[in-house]
N, C-alpha and C. Protein backbone atom coordinates (compact mmCIF):
# COMPACT_ATOMS: atom_id res chain seq x y z
N MET A 1 135.41 82.43 171.59
CA MET A 1 134.69 81.31 171.00
C MET A 1 135.06 81.19 169.53
N ILE A 2 135.30 79.99 169.11
CA ILE A 2 135.66 79.73 167.72
C ILE A 2 134.37 79.49 166.94
N THR A 3 134.19 80.22 165.88
CA THR A 3 133.03 80.03 165.02
C THR A 3 133.53 79.88 163.59
N PRO A 4 132.74 79.26 162.72
CA PRO A 4 133.18 79.07 161.33
C PRO A 4 133.50 80.39 160.63
N GLU A 5 132.85 81.48 161.03
CA GLU A 5 133.06 82.77 160.37
C GLU A 5 134.44 83.36 160.69
N ARG A 6 135.08 82.91 161.77
CA ARG A 6 136.34 83.49 162.21
C ARG A 6 137.55 82.64 161.84
N THR A 7 137.39 81.65 161.01
CA THR A 7 138.50 80.76 160.68
C THR A 7 139.25 81.24 159.44
N PRO A 8 140.58 81.07 159.41
CA PRO A 8 141.35 81.47 158.24
C PRO A 8 141.22 80.50 157.07
N PHE A 9 140.70 79.30 157.32
CA PHE A 9 140.50 78.31 156.27
C PHE A 9 139.01 78.16 156.00
N VAL A 10 138.70 77.78 154.79
CA VAL A 10 137.34 77.43 154.44
C VAL A 10 137.23 75.92 154.57
N LEU A 11 136.32 75.46 155.40
CA LEU A 11 136.11 74.03 155.61
C LEU A 11 134.97 73.59 154.70
N VAL A 12 135.26 72.68 153.80
CA VAL A 12 134.27 72.16 152.85
C VAL A 12 134.01 70.71 153.20
N LEU A 13 132.75 70.38 153.45
CA LEU A 13 132.39 68.99 153.77
C LEU A 13 131.78 68.34 152.55
N GLU A 14 132.30 67.19 152.20
CA GLU A 14 131.71 66.43 151.11
C GLU A 14 130.44 65.76 151.60
N LYS A 15 129.62 65.34 150.66
CA LYS A 15 128.34 64.71 150.99
C LYS A 15 128.52 63.48 151.89
N ARG A 16 129.54 62.69 151.61
CA ARG A 16 129.76 61.49 152.41
C ARG A 16 130.21 61.85 153.82
N ALA A 17 130.85 63.00 154.00
CA ALA A 17 131.24 63.44 155.34
C ALA A 17 130.00 63.79 156.15
N LEU A 18 129.07 64.49 155.54
CA LEU A 18 127.83 64.84 156.24
C LEU A 18 127.06 63.57 156.62
N LYS A 19 127.07 62.59 155.74
CA LYS A 19 126.41 61.32 156.03
C LYS A 19 127.09 60.63 157.21
N ALA A 20 128.42 60.69 157.26
CA ALA A 20 129.15 60.07 158.37
C ALA A 20 128.86 60.77 159.69
N PHE A 21 128.64 62.08 159.66
CA PHE A 21 128.31 62.81 160.88
C PHE A 21 127.01 62.29 161.49
N ARG A 22 126.07 61.88 160.66
CA ARG A 22 124.78 61.39 161.18
C ARG A 22 124.92 60.08 161.95
N THR A 23 126.02 59.37 161.74
CA THR A 23 126.21 58.10 162.44
C THR A 23 126.86 58.29 163.81
N LEU A 24 127.38 59.50 164.08
CA LEU A 24 128.06 59.77 165.34
C LEU A 24 127.07 60.09 166.44
N SER A 25 127.46 59.81 167.66
CA SER A 25 126.66 60.25 168.81
C SER A 25 126.75 61.77 168.89
N THR A 26 125.85 62.39 169.61
CA THR A 26 125.85 63.84 169.76
C THR A 26 127.16 64.31 170.37
N GLN A 27 127.66 63.58 171.36
CA GLN A 27 128.90 63.95 172.02
C GLN A 27 130.09 63.84 171.07
N ASP A 28 130.17 62.76 170.30
CA ASP A 28 131.27 62.59 169.35
C ASP A 28 131.21 63.64 168.25
N GLU A 29 130.01 63.94 167.78
CA GLU A 29 129.86 64.96 166.74
C GLU A 29 130.37 66.31 167.24
N ALA A 30 130.05 66.65 168.47
CA ALA A 30 130.52 67.91 169.06
C ALA A 30 132.05 67.92 169.17
N ARG A 31 132.64 66.80 169.56
CA ARG A 31 134.10 66.70 169.67
C ARG A 31 134.78 66.88 168.31
N VAL A 32 134.20 66.28 167.28
CA VAL A 32 134.77 66.40 165.93
C VAL A 32 134.67 67.83 165.44
N TRP A 33 133.50 68.45 165.58
CA TRP A 33 133.33 69.84 165.15
C TRP A 33 134.32 70.76 165.88
N ASP A 34 134.45 70.56 167.20
CA ASP A 34 135.37 71.38 167.98
C ASP A 34 136.79 71.22 167.46
N ALA A 35 137.20 69.98 167.19
CA ALA A 35 138.55 69.72 166.69
C ALA A 35 138.77 70.35 165.31
N LEU A 36 137.77 70.24 164.43
CA LEU A 36 137.89 70.83 163.09
C LEU A 36 137.98 72.35 163.16
N LEU A 37 137.14 72.96 163.98
CA LEU A 37 137.16 74.42 164.09
C LEU A 37 138.45 74.91 164.73
N ARG A 38 138.94 74.19 165.73
CA ARG A 38 140.21 74.57 166.37
C ARG A 38 141.36 74.45 165.37
N LEU A 39 141.34 73.40 164.57
CA LEU A 39 142.39 73.24 163.55
C LEU A 39 142.35 74.39 162.55
N CYS A 40 141.16 74.73 162.07
CA CYS A 40 141.03 75.80 161.09
C CYS A 40 141.43 77.16 161.67
N ALA A 41 141.01 77.42 162.91
CA ALA A 41 141.23 78.74 163.49
C ALA A 41 142.64 78.93 164.03
N GLU A 42 143.17 77.89 164.69
CA GLU A 42 144.42 78.07 165.41
C GLU A 42 145.54 77.14 164.95
N GLY A 43 145.22 76.18 164.09
CA GLY A 43 146.22 75.23 163.64
C GLY A 43 146.60 74.22 164.72
N ILE A 44 145.71 74.06 165.70
CA ILE A 44 145.98 73.16 166.83
C ILE A 44 145.22 71.86 166.62
N GLY A 45 145.91 70.74 166.82
CA GLY A 45 145.26 69.45 166.73
C GLY A 45 146.29 68.36 166.51
N ASP A 46 145.87 67.14 166.76
CA ASP A 46 146.74 65.98 166.54
C ASP A 46 146.66 65.64 165.05
N ILE A 47 147.46 66.33 164.26
CA ILE A 47 147.36 66.23 162.81
C ILE A 47 148.63 65.59 162.26
N GLY A 48 148.48 64.83 161.21
CA GLY A 48 149.63 64.20 160.57
C GLY A 48 149.43 64.09 159.08
N GLN A 49 150.54 64.10 158.37
CA GLN A 49 150.52 63.93 156.92
C GLN A 49 150.34 62.46 156.61
N LEU A 50 149.49 62.13 155.66
CA LEU A 50 149.30 60.75 155.25
C LEU A 50 150.43 60.34 154.31
N GLN A 51 151.00 59.19 154.55
CA GLN A 51 152.08 58.70 153.71
C GLN A 51 151.50 58.07 152.45
N ASN A 52 152.26 58.16 151.38
CA ASN A 52 151.89 57.58 150.08
C ASN A 52 150.57 58.14 149.56
N GLU A 53 150.27 59.38 149.93
CA GLU A 53 149.08 60.08 149.45
C GLU A 53 149.52 61.41 148.86
N PRO A 54 148.67 62.05 148.06
CA PRO A 54 149.05 63.35 147.48
C PRO A 54 149.37 64.38 148.57
N THR A 55 150.22 65.33 148.23
CA THR A 55 150.54 66.41 149.15
C THR A 55 149.26 67.12 149.56
N GLY A 56 149.13 67.40 150.84
CA GLY A 56 147.93 68.05 151.35
C GLY A 56 146.97 67.09 152.00
N SER A 57 147.23 65.78 151.90
CA SER A 57 146.37 64.78 152.53
C SER A 57 146.77 64.66 154.00
N LEU A 58 145.80 64.90 154.88
CA LEU A 58 146.07 64.95 156.31
C LEU A 58 145.13 64.03 157.07
N ARG A 59 145.55 63.72 158.31
CA ARG A 59 144.74 62.95 159.23
C ARG A 59 144.66 63.73 160.53
N LEU A 60 143.45 63.94 161.03
CA LEU A 60 143.23 64.59 162.32
C LEU A 60 142.69 63.54 163.27
N ARG A 61 143.39 63.35 164.39
CA ARG A 61 142.97 62.37 165.38
C ARG A 61 142.14 63.07 166.45
N VAL A 62 140.96 62.51 166.71
CA VAL A 62 140.09 62.99 167.78
C VAL A 62 139.72 61.77 168.61
N GLY A 63 140.41 61.57 169.72
CA GLY A 63 140.21 60.37 170.52
C GLY A 63 140.59 59.15 169.70
N ASP A 64 139.65 58.20 169.57
CA ASP A 64 139.94 57.00 168.77
C ASP A 64 139.43 57.14 167.33
N MET A 65 138.94 58.33 166.97
CA MET A 65 138.45 58.59 165.61
C MET A 65 139.54 59.25 164.77
N ARG A 66 139.50 59.01 163.48
CA ARG A 66 140.41 59.63 162.53
C ARG A 66 139.58 60.36 161.50
N ILE A 67 139.91 61.62 161.25
CA ILE A 67 139.23 62.43 160.25
C ILE A 67 140.23 62.68 159.13
N PHE A 68 139.87 62.33 157.93
CA PHE A 68 140.76 62.50 156.80
C PHE A 68 140.41 63.81 156.10
N LEU A 69 141.45 64.62 155.86
CA LEU A 69 141.28 65.96 155.32
C LEU A 69 142.20 66.16 154.12
N PHE A 70 141.86 67.15 153.32
CA PHE A 70 142.73 67.54 152.22
C PHE A 70 142.86 69.05 152.26
N LEU A 71 144.08 69.55 152.34
CA LEU A 71 144.35 70.98 152.40
C LEU A 71 144.80 71.47 151.04
N GLU A 72 144.08 72.45 150.53
CA GLU A 72 144.39 73.02 149.23
C GLU A 72 144.32 74.54 149.37
N GLY A 73 145.48 75.18 149.48
CA GLY A 73 145.51 76.63 149.72
C GLY A 73 144.85 76.94 151.05
N HIS A 74 143.82 77.73 151.03
CA HIS A 74 143.07 78.05 152.25
C HIS A 74 141.77 77.28 152.31
N ARG A 75 141.70 76.19 151.61
CA ARG A 75 140.49 75.37 151.55
C ARG A 75 140.80 74.01 152.16
N LEU A 76 140.11 73.68 153.23
CA LEU A 76 140.31 72.43 153.94
C LEU A 76 139.08 71.57 153.69
N THR A 77 139.26 70.45 153.04
CA THR A 77 138.14 69.57 152.70
C THR A 77 138.14 68.36 153.62
N ARG A 78 137.00 68.12 154.22
CA ARG A 78 136.83 66.94 155.07
C ARG A 78 136.30 65.85 154.17
N LEU A 79 137.06 64.77 154.02
CA LEU A 79 136.68 63.69 153.12
C LEU A 79 135.84 62.65 153.82
């Protein structure tokens, strides 16, 4: 089981990200959390570099949703 304590990256959620989570259905929220934890723990996910953005700007695709992230060392920020 993947838990936040076992991930090699620190996932930091900004205030606006937490607000966005409240708008998701319970099922979608679970899918997003699972995708974020899998990415942090195993590096697995439909991830891509954003073009014309600073280095470390990433996009994680979860179904028809897009999660925008910023990777800085071992710190992964969900924007």
